[in-house]
PDB file of N, CA and C in Angstrom:
ATOM      1  N   MET A   1    -403.686  75.883 -68.125  1.00  0.00           N
ATOM      2  CA  MET A   1    -403.050  76.577 -68.755  1.00  0.00           C
ATOM      3  C   MET A   1    -401.707  76.137 -69.349  1.00  0.00           C
ATOM      4  N   GLU A   2    -401.574  76.184 -70.728  1.00  0.00           N
ATOM      5  CA  GLU A   2    -400.656  75.530 -71.412  1.00  0.00           C
ATOM      6  C   GLU A   2    -398.991  76.156 -70.918  1.00  0.00           C
ATOM      7  N   ASP A   3    -398.068  75.181 -71.106  1.00  0.00           N
ATOM      8  CA  ASP A   3    -396.394  75.805 -70.614  1.00  0.00           C
ATOM      9  C   ASP A   3    -396.084  76.498 -71.992  1.00  0.00           C
ATOM     10  N   PHE A   4    -395.537  77.805 -71.812  1.00  0.00           N
ATOM     11  CA  PHE A   4    -394.904  78.335 -73.141  1.00  0.00           C
ATOM     12  C   PHE A   4    -394.041  77.786 -73.713  1.00  0.00           C
ATOM     13  N   ARG A   5    -393.309  76.840 -72.832  1.00  0.00           N
ATOM     14  CA  ARG A   5    -392.165  76.190 -73.738  1.00  0.00           C
ATOM     15  C   ARG A   5    -392.492  74.933 -74.365  1.00  0.00           C
ATOM     16  N   GLY A   6    -393.743  74.693 -74.662  1.00  0.00           N
ATOM     17  CA  GLY A   6    -394.110  73.500 -75.384  1.00  0.00           C
ATOM     18  C   GLY A   6    -394.754  72.318 -74.807  1.00  0.00           C
ATOM     19  N   LYS A   7    -394.712  71.188 -74.993  1.00  0.00           N
ATOM     20  CA  LYS A   7    -395.355  69.799 -74.615  1.00  0.00           C
ATOM     21  C   LYS A   7    -393.906  69.175 -74.500  1.00  0.00           C
ATOM     22  N   ASP A   8    -393.238  69.252 -75.513  1.00  0.00           N
ATOM     23  CA  ASP A   8    -391.944  68.353 -75.316  1.00  0.00           C
ATOM     24  C   ASP A   8    -391.046  69.312 -74.579  1.00  0.00           C
ATOM     25  N   ARG A   9    -390.755  69.021 -72.993  1.00  0.00           N
ATOM     26  CA  ARG A   9    -389.666  69.276 -72.220  1.00  0.00           C
ATOM     27  C   ARG A   9    -388.724  68.511 -71.895  1.00  0.00           C
ATOM     28  N   GLU A  10    -388.747  67.441 -72.073  1.00  0.00           N
ATOM     29  CA  GLU A  10    -387.875  66.726 -71.512  1.00  0.00           C
ATOM     30  C   GLU A  10    -386.376  66.985 -72.053  1.00  0.00           C
ATOM     31  N   LYS A  11    -385.350  67.007 -71.205  1.00  0.00           N
ATOM     32  CA  LYS A  11    -384.114  67.676 -71.707  1.00  0.00           C
ATOM     33  C   LYS A  11    -383.994  68.794 -72.190  1.00  0.00           C
ATOM     34  N   GLU A  12    -384.947  69.779 -71.837  1.00  0.00           N
ATOM     35  CA  GLU A  12    -384.816  71.069 -72.452  1.00  0.00           C
ATOM     36  C   GLU A  12    -383.514  71.856 -71.929  1.00  0.00           C
ATOM     37  N   GLU A  13    -382.908  72.653 -73.001  1.00  0.00           N
ATOM     38  CA  GLU A  13    -381.894  73.272 -72.403  1.00  0.00           C
ATOM     39  C   GLU A  13    -382.457  74.821 -71.941  1.00  0.00           C
ATOM     40  N   VAL A  14    -382.130  74.961 -70.693  1.00  0.00           N
ATOM     41  CA  VAL A  14    -382.447  76.390 -70.550  1.00  0.00           C
ATOM     42  C   VAL A  14    -381.586  77.206 -69.851  1.00  0.00           C
ATOM     43  N   TYR A  15    -380.352  76.847 -70.185  1.00  0.00           N
ATOM     44  CA  TYR A  15    -379.091  77.772 -69.728  1.00  0.00           C
ATOM     45  C   TYR A  15    -377.632  76.846 -70.148  1.00  0.00           C
ATOM     46  N   SER A  16    -376.902  77.683 -70.877  1.00  0.00           N
ATOM     47  CA  SER A  16    -375.449  77.219 -71.389  1.00  0.00           C
ATOM     48  C   SER A  16    -374.470  78.079 -71.216  1.00  0.00           C
ATOM     49  N   LYS A  17    -373.419  77.425 -70.703  1.00  0.00           N
ATOM     50  CA  LYS A  17    -372.253  78.234 -70.697  1.00  0.00           C
ATOM     51  C   LYS A  17    -370.996  77.376 -71.174  1.00  0.00           C
ATOM     52  N   ALA A  18    -370.113  78.010 -71.810  1.00  0.00           N
ATOM     53  CA  ALA A  18    -368.849  77.335 -72.407  1.00  0.00           C
ATOM     54  C   ALA A  18    -367.775  78.073 -72.179  1.00  0.00           C
ATOM     55  N   VAL A  19    -366.861  77.132 -71.819  1.00  0.00           N
ATOM     56  CA  VAL A  19    -365.670  77.719 -70.695  1.00  0.00           C
ATOM     57  C   VAL A  19    -364.385  76.874 -72.004  1.00  0.00           C
ATOM     58  N   LYS A  20    -363.448  77.971 -72.416  1.00  0.00           N
ATOM     59  CA  LYS A  20    -362.352  77.295 -73.377  1.00  0.00           C
ATOM     60  C   LYS A  20    -361.414  77.395 -72.558  1.00  0.00           C
ATOM     61  N   ALA A  21    -360.482  76.283 -72.328  1.00  0.00           N
ATOM     62  CA  ALA A  21    -359.197  75.804 -71.654  1.00  0.00           C
ATOM     63  C   ALA A  21    -358.211  75.200 -72.331  1.00  0.00           C
ATOM     64  N   GLY A  22    -357.636  75.975 -73.124  1.00  0.00           N
ATOM     65  CA  GLY A  22    -356.704  75.171 -73.918  1.00  0.00           C
ATOM     66  C   GLY A  22    -357.265  74.550 -75.042  1.00  0.00           C
ATOM     67  N   LYS A  23    -356.489  73.306 -75.192  1.00  0.00           N
ATOM     68  CA  LYS A  23    -357.018  72.498 -76.093  1.00  0.00           C
ATOM     69  C   LYS A  23    -358.735  71.968 -76.030  1.00  0.00           C
ATOM     70  N   ARG A  24    -359.175  72.202 -74.782  1.00  0.00           N
ATOM     71  CA  ARG A  24    -360.237  71.946 -74.305  1.00  0.00           C
ATOM     72  C   ARG A  24    -361.475  73.027 -74.477  1.00  0.00           C
ATOM     73  N   THR A  25    -362.753  72.393 -74.311  1.00  0.00           N
ATOM     74  CA  THR A  25    -364.149  73.043 -74.034  1.00  0.00           C
ATOM     75  C   THR A  25    -364.736  72.513 -73.259  1.00  0.00           C
ATOM     76  N   TYR A  26    -365.294  73.164 -72.255  1.00  0.00           N
ATOM     77  CA  TYR A  26    -366.266  72.719 -71.207  1.00  0.00           C
ATOM     78  C   TYR A  26    -367.620  73.384 -71.545  1.00  0.00           C
ATOM     79  N   PHE A  27    -368.597  72.372 -71.653  1.00  0.00           N
ATOM     80  CA  PHE A  27    -370.008  72.942 -71.727  1.00  0.00           C
ATOM     81  C   PHE A  27    -370.739  72.530 -70.663  1.00  0.00           C
ATOM     82  N   MET A  28    -371.228  73.749 -69.621  1.00  0.00           N
ATOM     83  CA  MET A  28    -372.041  73.556 -68.656  1.00  0.00           C
ATOM     84  C   MET A  28    -373.924  73.899 -69.192  1.00  0.00           C
ATOM     85  N   ASP A  29    -374.299  72.776 -69.213  1.00  0.00           N
ATOM     86  CA  ASP A  29    -375.650  73.151 -69.521  1.00  0.00           C
ATOM     87  C   ASP A  29    -376.658  72.746 -68.638  1.00  0.00           C
ATOM     88  N   VAL A  30    -377.584  73.807 -68.525  1.00  0.00           N
ATOM     89  CA  VAL A  30    -378.882  73.394 -67.343  1.00  0.00           C
ATOM     90  C   VAL A  30    -379.942  73.168 -68.354  1.00  0.00           C
ATOM     91  N   LYS A  31    -380.595  71.910 -67.949  1.00  0.00           N
ATOM     92  CA  LYS A  31    -381.555  71.394 -68.682  1.00  0.00           C
ATOM     93  C   LYS A  31    -382.468  71.060 -67.646  1.00  0.00           C
ATOM     94  N   GLU A  32    -384.141  70.686 -68.179  1.00  0.00           N
ATOM     95  CA  GLU A  32    -385.164  70.569 -67.854  1.00  0.00           C
ATOM     96  C   GLU A  32    -385.828  69.437 -68.102  1.00  0.00           C
ATOM     97  N   THR A  33    -386.368  68.484 -67.069  1.00  0.00           N
ATOM     98  CA  THR A  33    -387.100  67.159 -67.264  1.00  0.00           C
ATOM     99  C   THR A  33    -388.266  67.684 -67.518  1.00  0.00           C
ATOM    100  N   LYS A  34    -389.239  66.452 -68.019  1.00  0.00           N
ATOM    101  CA  LYS A  34    -390.675  66.890 -68.328  1.00  0.00           C
ATOM    102  C   LYS A  34    -391.441  67.260 -66.676  1.00  0.00           C
ATOM    103  N   ALA A  35    -390.822  66.598 -65.604  1.00  0.00           N
ATOM    104  CA  ALA A  35    -391.694  67.014 -64.510  1.00  0.00           C
ATOM    105  C   ALA A  35    -391.361  68.599 -63.995  1.00  0.00           C
ATOM    106  N   GLY A  36    -390.092  69.097 -64.699  1.00  0.00           N
ATOM    107  CA  GLY A  36    -389.795  70.528 -64.349  1.00  0.00           C
ATOM    108  C   GLY A  36    -388.428  70.428 -63.707  1.00  0.00           C
ATOM    109  N   ASP A  37    -387.678  69.580 -63.154  1.00  0.00           N
ATOM    110  CA  ASP A  37    -386.779  69.381 -62.382  1.00  0.00           C
ATOM    111  C   ASP A  37    -385.163  69.926 -63.166  1.00  0.00           C
ATOM    112  N   LEU A  38    -384.426  70.653 -62.842  1.00  0.00           N
ATOM    113  CA  LEU A  38    -383.549  71.061 -63.355  1.00  0.00           C
ATOM    114  C   LEU A  38    -382.239  70.272 -63.110  1.00  0.00           C
ATOM    115  N   TYR A  39    -381.261  70.125 -64.066  1.00  0.00           N
ATOM    116  CA  TYR A  39    -380.092  69.434 -63.676  1.00  0.00           C
ATOM    117  C   TYR A  39    -379.063  69.689 -64.586  1.00  0.00           C
ATOM    118  N   LEU A  40    -377.695  69.471 -64.166  1.00  0.00           N
ATOM    119  CA  LEU A  40    -376.432  70.136 -65.089  1.00  0.00           C
ATOM    120  C   LEU A  40    -375.755  69.207 -65.585  1.00  0.00           C
ATOM    121  N   THR A  41    -375.498  69.376 -66.891  1.00  0.00           N
ATOM    122  CA  THR A  41    -374.586  68.238 -67.745  1.00  0.00           C
ATOM    123  C   THR A  41    -373.297  69.003 -67.868  1.00  0.00           C
ATOM    124  N   ILE A  42    -372.233  68.371 -67.692  1.00  0.00           N
ATOM    125  CA  ILE A  42    -370.714  68.884 -67.997  1.00  0.00           C
ATOM    126  C   ILE A  42    -370.068  68.103 -69.042  1.00  0.00           C
ATOM    127  N   THR A  43    -370.090  68.588 -70.415  1.00  0.00           N
ATOM    128  CA  THR A  43    -369.482  67.645 -71.274  1.00  0.00           C
ATOM    129  C   THR A  43    -367.927  68.713 -71.643  1.00  0.00           C
ATOM    130  N   GLU A  44    -366.928  67.682 -71.427  1.00  0.00           N
ATOM    131  CA  GLU A  44    -365.613  67.928 -71.974  1.00  0.00           C
ATOM    132  C   GLU A  44    -365.265  67.693 -73.308  1.00  0.00           C
ATOM    133  N   SER A  45    -364.902  68.431 -74.075  1.00  0.00           N
ATOM    134  CA  SER A  45    -364.832  68.441 -75.438  1.00  0.00           C
ATOM    135  C   SER A  45    -363.502  68.714 -75.990  1.00  0.00           C
ATOM    136  N   LYS A  46    -362.855  67.680 -76.860  1.00  0.00           N
ATOM    137  CA  LYS A  46    -361.588  68.032 -77.087  1.00  0.00           C
ATOM    138  C   LYS A  46    -361.378  67.592 -78.714  1.00  0.00           C
ATOM    139  N   ARG A  47    -360.884  68.631 -79.219  1.00  0.00           N
ATOM    140  CA  ARG A  47    -360.635  68.217 -80.918  1.00  0.00           C
ATOM    141  C   ARG A  47    -359.425  67.700 -81.064  1.00  0.00           C
ATOM    142  N   ILE A  48    -359.407  66.496 -81.683  1.00  0.00           N
ATOM    143  CA  ILE A  48    -358.753  65.731 -81.956  1.00  0.00           C
ATOM    144  C   ILE A  48    -358.535  65.419 -83.764  1.00  0.00           C
ATOM    145  N   PHE A  49    -357.318  64.882 -84.137  1.00  0.00           N
ATOM    146  CA  PHE A  49    -357.204  64.295 -85.451  1.00  0.00           C
ATOM    147  C   PHE A  49    -357.169  63.017 -85.846  1.00  0.00           C
ATOM    148  N   ASP A  50    -358.077  62.297 -86.189  1.00  0.00           N
ATOM    149  CA  ASP A  50    -358.229  61.021 -86.805  1.00  0.00           C
ATOM    150  C   ASP A  50    -357.762  60.821 -87.961  1.00  0.00           C
ATOM    151  N   GLU A  51    -356.353  59.826 -87.540  1.00  0.00           N
ATOM    152  CA  GLU A  51    -355.555  59.692 -88.978  1.00  0.00           C
ATOM    153  C   GLU A  51    -356.012  58.776 -89.788  1.00  0.00           C
ATOM    154  N   ASN A  52    -357.187  57.730 -89.143  1.00  0.00           N
ATOM    155  CA  ASN A  52    -357.791  56.891 -89.998  1.00  0.00           C
ATOM    156  C   ASN A  52    -358.653  57.517 -91.228  1.00  0.00           C
ATOM    157  N   LEU A  53    -359.649  58.385 -90.425  1.00  0.00           N
ATOM    158  CA  LEU A  53    -360.497  58.796 -91.517  1.00  0.00           C
ATOM    159  C   LEU A  53    -359.876  60.391 -92.117  1.00  0.00           C
ATOM    160  N   ASN A  54    -358.385  60.779 -91.656  1.00  0.00           N
ATOM    161  CA  ASN A  54    -357.887  62.059 -92.194  1.00  0.00           C
ATOM    162  C   ASN A  54    -358.669  63.232 -92.269  1.00  0.00           C
ATOM    163  N   LYS A  55    -359.292  63.378 -90.778  1.00  0.00           N
ATOM    164  CA  LYS A  55    -359.934  64.633 -90.409  1.00  0.00           C
ATOM    165  C   LYS A  55    -360.124  64.922 -89.125  1.00  0.00           C
ATOM    166  N   PHE A  56    -360.634  66.189 -88.497  1.00  0.00           N
ATOM    167  CA  PHE A  56    -360.366  66.404 -87.232  1.00  0.00           C
ATOM    168  C   PHE A  56    -362.235  65.848 -86.806  1.00  0.00           C
ATOM    169  N   SER A  57    -361.957  65.507 -85.495  1.00  0.00           N
ATOM    170  CA  SER A  57    -363.560  65.145 -84.678  1.00  0.00           C
ATOM    171  C   SER A  57    -363.278  65.520 -83.274  1.00  0.00           C
ATOM    172  N   TYR A  58    -364.223  65.373 -82.486  1.00  0.00           N
ATOM    173  CA  TYR A  58    -364.439  65.721 -81.187  1.00  0.00           C
ATOM    174  C   TYR A  58    -364.428  64.402 -80.507  1.00  0.00           C
ATOM    175  N   ASP A  59    -363.530  64.140 -79.210  1.00  0.00           N
ATOM    176  CA  ASP A  59    -363.715  63.332 -78.088  1.00  0.00           C
ATOM    177  C   ASP A  59    -364.421  63.996 -77.216  1.00  0.00           C
ATOM    178  N   LYS A  60    -365.526  63.622 -76.767  1.00  0.00           N
ATOM    179  CA  LYS A  60    -366.494  64.314 -75.746  1.00  0.00           C
ATOM    180  C   LYS A  60    -366.738  63.349 -74.424  1.00  0.00           C
ATOM    181  N   HIS A  61    -366.883  63.493 -73.254  1.00  0.00           N
ATOM    182  CA  HIS A  61    -366.948  62.922 -72.085  1.00  0.00           C
ATOM    183  C   HIS A  61    -368.006  63.910 -71.408  1.00  0.00           C
ATOM    184  N   LYS A  62    -369.125  63.025 -70.807  1.00  0.00           N
ATOM    185  CA  LYS A  62    -370.267  63.936 -70.305  1.00  0.00           C
ATOM    186  C   LYS A  62    -370.577  63.355 -68.891  1.00  0.00           C
ATOM    187  N   ILE A  63    -371.001  63.867 -68.050  1.00  0.00           N
ATOM    188  CA  ILE A  63    -371.440  63.530 -66.847  1.00  0.00           C
ATOM    189  C   ILE A  63    -372.370  64.752 -66.477  1.00  0.00           C
ATOM    190  N   PHE A  64    -373.546  63.664 -65.471  1.00  0.00           N
ATOM    191  CA  PHE A  64    -374.588  64.469 -65.216  1.00  0.00           C
ATOM    192  C   PHE A  64    -374.647  64.903 -63.934  1.00  0.00           C
ATOM    193  N   LEU A  65    -375.090  65.762 -63.481  1.00  0.00           N
ATOM    194  CA  LEU A  65    -375.394  66.248 -61.793  1.00  0.00           C
ATOM    195  C   LEU A  65    -376.657  67.150 -61.570  1.00  0.00           C
ATOM    196  N   TYR A  66    -377.172  66.212 -60.512  1.00  0.00           N
ATOM    197  CA  TYR A  66    -378.654  66.238 -59.818  1.00  0.00           C
ATOM    198  C   TYR A  66    -378.465  67.488 -58.810  1.00  0.00           C
ATOM    199  N   LYS A  67    -379.652  68.187 -58.821  1.00  0.00           N
ATOM    200  CA  LYS A  67    -379.798  69.045 -57.696  1.00  0.00           C
ATOM    201  C   LYS A  67    -379.137  68.438 -56.440  1.00  0.00           C
ATOM    202  N   GLU A  68    -379.627  67.296 -55.974  1.00  0.00           N
ATOM    203  CA  GLU A  68    -379.515  66.761 -54.454  1.00  0.00           C
ATOM    204  C   GLU A  68    -378.060  66.238 -54.612  1.00  0.00           C
ATOM    205  N   ASP A  69    -377.463  66.357 -55.432  1.00  0.00           N
ATOM    206  CA  ASP A  69    -375.923  66.106 -55.413  1.00  0.00           C
ATOM    207  C   ASP A  69    -375.138  67.350 -55.420  1.00  0.00           C
ATOM    208  N   PHE A  70    -375.337  68.427 -55.785  1.00  0.00           N
ATOM    209  CA  PHE A  70    -374.565  69.749 -55.830  1.00  0.00           C
ATOM    210  C   PHE A  70    -373.942  70.102 -54.371  1.00  0.00           C
ATOM    211  N   GLU A  71    -374.003  69.823 -53.429  1.00  0.00           N
ATOM    212  CA  GLU A  71    -373.470  70.363 -52.222  1.00  0.00           C
ATOM    213  C   GLU A  71    -372.206  69.281 -52.156  1.00  0.00           C
ATOM    214  N   ASN A  72    -372.634  67.964 -51.956  1.00  0.00           N
ATOM    215  CA  ASN A  72    -371.390  67.021 -52.116  1.00  0.00           C
ATOM    216  C   ASN A  72    -370.544  67.240 -52.985  1.00  0.00           C
ATOM    217  N   PHE A  73    -370.953  67.444 -54.476  1.00  0.00           N
ATOM    218  CA  PHE A  73    -369.774  67.617 -55.604  1.00  0.00           C
ATOM    219  C   PHE A  73    -369.072  68.741 -55.252  1.00  0.00           C
ATOM    220  N   VAL A  74    -369.807  70.025 -54.935  1.00  0.00           N
ATOM    221  CA  VAL A  74    -369.061  71.121 -54.627  1.00  0.00           C
ATOM    222  C   VAL A  74    -368.049  71.063 -53.503  1.00  0.00           C
ATOM    223  N   THR A  75    -368.242  70.280 -52.702  1.00  0.00           N
ATOM    224  CA  THR A  75    -367.376  70.185 -51.425  1.00  0.00           C
ATOM    225  C   THR A  75    -366.449  69.599 -51.873  1.00  0.00           C
ATOM    226  N   GLY A  76    -366.419  68.317 -52.578  1.00  0.00           N
ATOM    227  CA  GLY A  76    -365.337  67.204 -53.059  1.00  0.00           C
ATOM    228  C   GLY A  76    -364.289  68.095 -54.156  1.00  0.00           C
ATOM    229  N   LEU A  77    -364.998  69.334 -55.017  1.00  0.00           N
ATOM    230  CA  LEU A  77    -364.366  69.599 -56.071  1.00  0.00           C
ATOM    231  C   LEU A  77    -363.410  70.835 -55.166  1.00  0.00           C
ATOM    232  N   GLN A  78    -363.713  71.412 -54.179  1.00  0.00           N
ATOM    233  CA  GLN A  78    -363.249  72.239 -53.383  1.00  0.00           C
ATOM    234  C   GLN A  78    -362.113  72.023 -52.741  1.00  0.00           C
ATOM    235  N   GLN A  79    -362.183  70.456 -51.987  1.00  0.00           N
ATOM    236  CA  GLN A  79    -361.208  70.038 -51.306  1.00  0.00           C
ATOM    237  C   GLN A  79    -360.347  69.637 -52.326  1.00  0.00           C
ATOM    238  N   THR A  80    -360.257  69.160 -53.516  1.00  0.00           N
ATOM    239  CA  THR A  80    -359.809  68.698 -54.531  1.00  0.00           C
ATOM    240  C   THR A  80    -358.749  69.666 -54.961  1.00  0.00           C
ATOM    241  N   ILE A  81    -359.041  70.560 -55.503  1.00  0.00           N
ATOM    242  CA  ILE A  81    -358.514  72.139 -55.809  1.00  0.00           C
ATOM    243  C   ILE A  81    -357.634  72.432 -54.607  1.00  0.00           C
ATOM    244  N   ARG A  82    -358.254  72.483 -53.425  1.00  0.00           N
ATOM    245  CA  ARG A  82    -357.282  73.177 -52.543  1.00  0.00           C
ATOM    246  C   ARG A  82    -356.027  72.118 -52.135  1.00  0.00           C
ATOM    247  N   PHE A  83    -356.515  70.894 -52.436  1.00  0.00           N
ATOM    248  CA  PHE A  83    -355.234  69.984 -52.281  1.00  0.00           C
ATOM    249  C   PHE A  83    -354.325  70.179 -53.250  1.00  0.00           C
ATOM    250  N   ILE A  84    -354.701  70.490 -54.469  1.00  0.00           N
ATOM    251  CA  ILE A  84    -353.642  70.440 -55.554  1.00  0.00           C
ATOM    252  C   ILE A  84    -353.000  71.926 -55.426  1.00  0.00           C
ATOM    253  N   GLU A  85    -353.715  72.753 -55.247  1.00  0.00           N
ATOM    254  CA  GLU A  85    -352.991  74.326 -54.672  1.00  0.00           C
ATOM    255  C   GLU A  85    -351.969  74.187 -53.272  1.00  0.00           C
ATOM    256  N   THR A  86    -352.308  73.690 -52.375  1.00  0.00           N
ATOM    257  CA  THR A  86    -351.824  73.609 -51.197  1.00  0.00           C
ATOM    258  C   THR A  86    -350.730  72.197 -50.942  1.00  0.00           C
ATOM    259  N   GLY A  87    -351.302  71.248 -51.495  1.00  0.00           N
ATOM    260  CA  GLY A  87    -350.454  69.895 -50.884  1.00  0.00           C
ATOM    261  C   GLY A  87    -351.349  69.651 -49.407  1.00  0.00           C
ATOM    262  N   GLU A  88    -351.979  70.188 -48.980  1.00  0.00           N
ATOM    263  CA  GLU A  88    -352.781  69.789 -47.643  1.00  0.00           C
ATOM    264  C   GLU A  88    -354.041  68.895 -47.646  1.00  0.00           C
ATOM    265  N   MET A  89    -353.842  67.866 -47.182  1.00  0.00           N
ATOM    266  CA  MET A  89    -354.942  66.766 -47.241  1.00  0.00           C
ATOM    267  C   MET A  89    -356.330  67.278 -46.347  1.00  0.00           C
ATOM    268  N   PRO A  90    -357.467  67.288 -46.943  1.00  0.00           N
ATOM    269  CA  PRO A  90    -358.345  67.498 -46.236  1.00  0.00           C
ATOM    270  C   PRO A  90    -358.828  66.625 -44.959  1.00  0.00           C
ATOM    271  N   LYS A  91    -359.434  67.221 -43.646  1.00  0.00           N
ATOM    272  CA  LYS A  91    -359.519  66.627 -42.762  1.00  0.00           C
ATOM    273  C   LYS A  91    -360.763  65.292 -42.976  1.00  0.00           C
ATOM    274  N   GLU A  92    -360.679  64.235 -42.423  1.00  0.00           N
ATOM    275  CA  GLU A  92    -361.779  63.380 -42.808  1.00  0.00           C
ATOM    276  C   GLU A  92    -363.108  63.654 -42.137  1.00  0.00           C
ATOM    277  N   ASP A  93    -363.329  64.527 -41.290  1.00  0.00           N
ATOM    278  CA  ASP A  93    -364.408  65.065 -40.939  1.00  0.00           C
ATOM    279  C   ASP A  93    -365.136  66.109 -42.156  1.00  0.00           C
ATOM    280  N   ASP A  94    -364.041  66.748 -43.012  1.00  0.00           N
ATOM    281  CA  ASP A  94    -364.657  67.547 -43.913  1.00  0.00           C
ATOM    282  C   ASP A  94    -365.496  66.856 -45.098  1.00  0.00           C
ATOM    283  N   GLU A  95    -365.215  65.516 -45.000  1.00  0.00           N
ATOM    284  CA  GLU A  95    -365.549  64.662 -46.147  1.00  0.00           C
ATOM    285  C   GLU A  95    -367.022  64.115 -45.979  1.00  0.00           C
ATOM    286  N   PRO A  96    -368.121  64.819 -46.332  1.00  0.00           N
ATOM    287  CA  PRO A  96    -369.449  64.149 -46.041  1.00  0.00           C
ATOM    288  C   PRO A  96    -369.825  62.734 -46.935  1.00  0.00           C
ATOM    289  N   LEU A  97    -369.976  61.746 -46.267  1.00  0.00           N
ATOM    290  CA  LEU A  97    -370.213  60.412 -46.600  1.00  0.00           C
ATOM    291  C   LEU A  97    -371.592  59.884 -46.808  1.00  0.00           C
ATOM    292  N   PRO A  98    -372.337  59.096 -47.658  1.00  0.00           N
ATOM    293  CA  PRO A  98    -373.394  59.024 -47.430  1.00  0.00           C
ATOM    294  C   PRO A  98    -373.893  57.976 -46.195  1.00  0.00           C
ATOM    295  N   ASP A  99    -375.112  58.027 -45.973  1.00  0.00           N
ATOM    296  CA  ASP A  99    -375.267  57.374 -44.871  1.00  0.00           C
ATOM    297  C   ASP A  99    -374.866  55.999 -44.807  1.00  0.00           C
ATOM    298  N   GLY A 100    -374.512  55.351 -43.826  1.00  0.00           N
ATOM    299  CA  GLY A 100    -374.043  54.061 -44.112  1.00  0.00           C
ATOM    300  C   GLY A 100    -372.886  53.604 -44.536  1.00  0.00           C
ATOM    301  N   MET A 101    -372.132  54.801 -45.249  1.00  0.00           N
ATOM    302  CA  MET A 101    -370.910  54.384 -45.880  1.00  0.00           C
ATOM    303  C   MET A 101    -369.568  54.482 -44.968  1.00  0.00           C
ATOM    304  N   THR A 102    -368.558  53.983 -45.271  1.00  0.00           N
ATOM    305  CA  THR A 102    -367.240  54.368 -44.652  1.00  0.00           C
ATOM    306  C   THR A 102    -366.469  54.607 -45.741  1.00  0.00           C
ATOM    307  N   GLN A 103    -365.022  55.033 -45.456  1.00  0.00           N
ATOM    308  CA  GLN A 103    -364.394  55.706 -46.242  1.00  0.00           C
ATOM    309  C   GLN A 103    -363.684  54.660 -47.324  1.00  0.00           C
ATOM    310  N   ASP A 104    -363.659  53.470 -46.746  1.00  0.00           N
ATOM    311  CA  ASP A 104    -363.472  52.326 -47.539  1.00  0.00           C
ATOM    312  C   ASP A 104    -364.432  51.920 -48.663  1.00  0.00           C
ATOM    313  N   ASP A 105    -365.364  52.032 -48.501  1.00  0.00           N
ATOM    314  CA  ASP A 105    -366.594  51.700 -49.289  1.00  0.00           C
ATOM    315  C   ASP A 105    -366.476  52.895 -50.441  1.00  0.00           C
ATOM    316  N   MET A 106    -366.002  54.154 -50.261  1.00  0.00           N
ATOM    317  CA  MET A 106    -365.697  55.043 -51.381  1.00  0.00           C
ATOM    318  C   MET A 106    -364.354  55.076 -52.248  1.00  0.00           C
ATOM    319  N   GLU A 107    -363.610  53.638 -52.141  1.00  0.00           N
ATOM    320  CA  GLU A 107    -362.585  53.411 -52.781  1.00  0.00           C
ATOM    321  C   GLU A 107    -363.431  53.110 -54.599  1.00  0.00           C
ATOM    322  N   PHE A 108    -362.559  53.649 -55.469  1.00  0.00           N
ATOM    323  CA  PHE A 108    -363.304  53.633 -56.694  1.00  0.00           C
ATOM    324  C   PHE A 108    -363.612  52.113 -57.004  1.00  0.00           C
ATOM    325  N   GLU A 109    -362.644  50.990 -56.874  1.00  0.00           N
ATOM    326  CA  GLU A 109    -362.929  49.795 -57.024  1.00  0.00           C
ATOM    327  C   GLU A 109    -364.144  49.514 -56.425  1.00  0.00           C
ATOM    328  N   ASN A 110    -364.399  49.942 -55.414  1.00  0.00           N
ATOM    329  CA  ASN A 110    -365.621  49.386 -54.532  1.00  0.00           C
ATOM    330  C   ASN A 110    -366.996  49.654 -54.979  1.00  0.00           C
ATOM    331  N   LEU A 111    -367.161  50.901 -55.611  1.00  0.00           N
ATOM    332  CA  LEU A 111    -368.274  51.641 -55.943  1.00  0.00           C
ATOM    333  C   LEU A 111    -369.156  50.904 -56.721  1.00  0.00           C
ATOM    334  N   GLY A 112    -369.035  49.919 -57.626  1.00  0.00           N
ATOM    335  CA  GLY A 112    -369.879  49.275 -58.261  1.00  0.00           C
ATOM    336  C   GLY A 112    -370.382  47.964 -57.479  1.00  0.00           C
ATOM    337  N   LYS A 113    -369.865  47.794 -56.432  1.00  0.00           N
ATOM    338  CA  LYS A 113    -370.169  46.520 -55.509  1.00  0.00           C
ATOM    339  C   LYS A 113    -371.565  47.089 -54.800  1.00  0.00           C
TER     340      LYS A 113
END
């Protein structure tokens, strides 16, 4: 039985939500791979005036978030928002780390090593 969505399913968009926030717009897009796996892309788009070209353009930044990372991502986001709202640091045992990693390994400067 042929898939009703056609043969070219790589990066097929299955759901999209735009959130306007001041000068920025955030696009949350659920896409599907050829294998049928869903993932999330979050794009921040900001309209800027390019003086060299004398016209407006968009500065865009994108992250890809895969299903297996949702729980840790949401936990980290909630902890960060809670810190901003309350000033309270999260307890270290609230911060899940990948197997074999320590908090020192998670410093930004060490992530590519």
